[in-house]
């Protein structure tokens, strides 16, 4: 009987240790995600970041690799140069087919969802021939999606990540 009791207590000790280890791993993972989100949120709040494009996603869902700097945000300014492979809604473009704009005094609408660790940024930009509405969804890890709606072109999406501006 004493042998069974001793075996029972040993088994309980092993099980409780295993549960504590699993719980601490889960807690560490959660803390890491919160730290990543805090870093990403600080980057956006500072108002200076660059969106590095990895993929272009067309309206049809076609995904094409595209490496480069797509969007630079500096305080109230936005500079963009995105490759465009979609459909034109009207007319033809003169010069580059890329989506390009350079704005100042831009009004950024920023919403933070701390519970889901997401950041949403919206702003508008214009160049000589087109106007754009830009939506940026930033995950806590820094991964992001930029969606651009244009007055003359089909909607385009770009996947990538945001990073600190390096001068």
Protein backbone atom coordinates (compact mmCIF):
# COMPACT_ATOMS: atom_id res chain seq x y z
CA UNK A 1 0.00 0.00 0.00
CA UNK A 2 2.84 2.40 0.87
CA UNK A 3 4.47 1.56 -2.46
CA UNK A 4 1.29 2.54 -4.36
CA UNK A 5 0.98 5.78 -2.39
CA UNK A 6 4.60 6.68 -3.08
CA UNK A 7 4.13 5.88 -6.78
CA UNK A 8 0.99 8.03 -6.87
CA UNK A 9 2.79 11.04 -5.34
CA UNK A 10 5.72 10.66 -7.73
CA UNK A 11 3.32 10.55 -10.68
CA UNK A 12 1.51 13.67 -9.42
CA UNK A 13 4.83 15.50 -9.04
CA UNK A 14 5.87 14.66 -12.61
CA UNK A 15 2.48 15.71 -14.03
CA UNK A 16 2.41 19.02 -12.16
CA UNK A 17 5.99 19.83 -13.26
CA UNK A 18 5.07 19.09 -16.88
CA UNK A 19 1.99 21.31 -16.69
CA UNK A 20 4.00 24.18 -15.19
CA UNK A 21 6.63 23.90 -17.93
CA UNK A 22 3.96 23.92 -20.66
CA UNK A 23 2.25 26.90 -19.08
CA UNK A 24 5.52 28.84 -18.83
CA UNK A 25 6.31 28.13 -22.52
CA UNK A 26 2.87 29.43 -23.44
CA UNK A 27 3.40 32.50 -21.28
CA UNK A 28 6.83 33.14 -22.85
CA UNK A 29 5.33 32.89 -26.34
CA UNK A 30 2.60 35.37 -25.39
CA UNK A 31 5.15 37.79 -23.92
CA UNK A 32 7.25 37.56 -27.10
CA UNK A 33 4.20 38.40 -29.26
CA UNK A 34 3.33 41.36 -27.01
CA UNK A 35 6.92 42.64 -27.21
CA UNK A 36 6.88 42.37 -31.03
CA UNK A 37 3.59 44.28 -31.16
CA UNK A 38 4.92 46.99 -28.82
CA UNK A 39 7.97 47.43 -31.08
CA UNK A 40 5.78 47.60 -34.22
CA UNK A 41 3.35 50.02 -32.55
CA UNK A 42 6.23 52.29 -31.49
CA UNK A 43 7.54 52.29 -35.06
CA UNK A 44 4.15 53.47 -36.37
CA UNK A 45 3.69 56.02 -33.56
CA UNK A 46 7.09 57.55 -34.35
CA UNK A 47 5.76 58.23 -37.85
CA UNK A 48 8.80 57.03 -39.75
CA UNK A 49 8.79 53.64 -41.40
CA UNK A 50 9.27 52.01 -44.76
CA UNK A 51 7.10 49.27 -46.25
CA UNK A 52 9.28 46.70 -48.01
CA UNK A 53 7.31 44.94 -50.72
CA UNK A 54 7.61 41.15 -51.04
CA UNK A 55 4.58 40.24 -53.17
CA UNK A 56 2.06 41.88 -55.48
CA UNK A 57 -1.48 40.51 -55.27
CA UNK A 58 -3.85 41.37 -58.13
CA UNK A 59 -7.65 41.61 -57.92
CA UNK A 60 -7.85 38.07 -59.29
CA UNK A 61 -5.67 36.83 -56.44
CA UNK A 62 -2.56 36.21 -58.54
CA UNK A 63 0.54 36.57 -56.37
CA UNK A 64 3.84 37.70 -57.89
CA UNK A 65 7.14 38.23 -56.14
CA UNK A 66 8.26 41.87 -56.14
CA UNK A 67 11.12 42.98 -53.96
CA UNK A 68 11.74 46.62 -53.10
CA UNK A 69 10.76 49.68 -51.12
CA UNK A 70 7.14 50.35 -51.88
CA UNK A 71 6.18 53.06 -49.41
CA UNK A 72 8.03 55.48 -47.16
CA UNK A 73 6.21 57.32 -44.38
CA UNK A 74 8.00 60.25 -42.76
CA UNK A 75 5.97 62.34 -40.31
CA UNK A 76 3.24 63.85 -42.53
CA UNK A 77 4.82 62.85 -45.86
CA UNK A 78 4.33 59.73 -47.97
CA UNK A 79 6.45 58.58 -50.91
CA UNK A 80 5.43 55.56 -52.96
CA UNK A 81 6.66 53.58 -55.93
CA UNK A 82 4.74 50.33 -56.41
CA UNK A 83 4.86 48.17 -59.53
CA UNK A 84 1.47 47.86 -61.18
CA UNK A 85 0.30 44.79 -63.13
CA UNK A 86 -3.47 45.20 -62.96
CA UNK A 87 -6.20 46.65 -65.17
CA UNK A 88 -6.71 50.27 -66.15
CA UNK A 89 -10.19 51.68 -65.53
CA UNK A 90 -9.88 54.56 -67.95
CA UNK A 91 -7.41 56.01 -70.43
CA UNK A 92 -3.72 55.37 -70.61
CA UNK A 93 -0.86 56.57 -68.49
CA UNK A 94 1.99 58.75 -69.62
CA UNK A 95 5.38 57.67 -68.38
CA UNK A 96 5.81 54.89 -65.83
CA UNK A 97 3.12 52.28 -65.25
CA UNK A 98 4.06 52.19 -61.57
CA UNK A 99 1.88 53.64 -58.85
CA UNK A 100 3.93 56.65 -57.80
CA UNK A 101 3.13 59.58 -55.55
CA UNK A 102 4.88 62.04 -53.31
CA UNK A 103 2.67 63.85 -50.79
CA UNK A 104 3.17 66.27 -47.97
CA UNK A 105 0.79 67.37 -45.23
CA UNK A 106 -0.84 63.95 -45.40
CA UNK A 107 -3.57 63.20 -42.88
CA UNK A 108 -3.02 59.66 -41.63
CA UNK A 109 -5.97 57.94 -39.95
CA UNK A 110 -4.42 55.37 -37.57
CA UNK A 111 -6.35 52.84 -35.50
CA UNK A 112 -4.74 50.48 -32.99
CA UNK A 113 -6.40 47.18 -32.09
CA UNK A 114 -4.32 46.10 -29.10
CA UNK A 115 -6.45 43.05 -28.40
CA UNK A 116 -5.76 41.53 -31.84
CA UNK A 117 -2.32 43.17 -32.13
CA UNK A 118 -3.15 44.91 -35.44
CA UNK A 119 -2.68 48.45 -36.67
CA UNK A 120 -4.76 50.01 -39.44
CA UNK A 121 -3.55 53.07 -41.37
CA UNK A 122 -5.56 54.90 -44.02
CA UNK A 123 -4.66 57.97 -46.05
CA UNK A 124 -5.25 59.61 -49.41
CA UNK A 125 -2.75 60.79 -51.99
CA UNK A 126 -2.86 62.51 -55.37
CA UNK A 127 -0.54 63.01 -58.27
CA UNK A 128 -1.09 64.89 -61.55
CA UNK A 129 -3.44 62.32 -63.08
CA UNK A 130 -4.79 60.11 -60.29
CA UNK A 131 -6.00 60.03 -56.74
CA UNK A 132 -5.37 57.09 -54.43
CA UNK A 133 -6.79 55.72 -51.21
CA UNK A 134 -4.25 53.65 -49.32
CA UNK A 135 -5.11 51.11 -46.62
CA UNK A 136 -2.32 49.52 -44.58
CA UNK A 137 -2.94 46.61 -42.24
CA UNK A 138 0.03 45.92 -39.97
CA UNK A 139 0.29 42.80 -37.84
CA UNK A 140 2.09 42.75 -34.51
CA UNK A 141 5.06 41.01 -36.12
CA UNK A 142 5.59 43.87 -38.58
CA UNK A 143 4.15 41.93 -41.53
CA UNK A 144 1.84 44.20 -43.49
CA UNK A 145 -0.52 44.46 -46.42
CA UNK A 146 -0.95 47.65 -48.44
CA UNK A 147 -4.08 47.97 -50.55
CA UNK A 148 -4.28 50.80 -53.07
CA UNK A 149 -7.49 51.96 -54.68
CA UNK A 150 -6.99 54.32 -57.59
CA UNK A 151 -9.23 56.61 -59.63
CA UNK A 152 -7.79 55.15 -62.87
CA UNK A 153 -6.73 51.59 -62.07
CA UNK A 154 -7.95 48.39 -60.50
CA UNK A 155 -7.32 47.73 -56.81
CA UNK A 156 -3.88 46.33 -56.04
CA UNK A 157 -2.55 44.74 -52.87
CA UNK A 158 1.04 44.38 -51.76
CA UNK A 159 2.38 42.11 -49.04
CA UNK A 160 5.57 42.77 -47.12
CA UNK A 161 6.72 44.20 -43.84
CA UNK A 162 7.39 47.53 -42.25
CA UNK A 163 10.82 48.45 -41.01
CA UNK A 164 12.60 51.33 -39.37
CA UNK A 165 13.81 54.03 -41.77
CA UNK A 166 17.58 53.75 -42.20
CA UNK A 167 19.28 56.91 -43.36
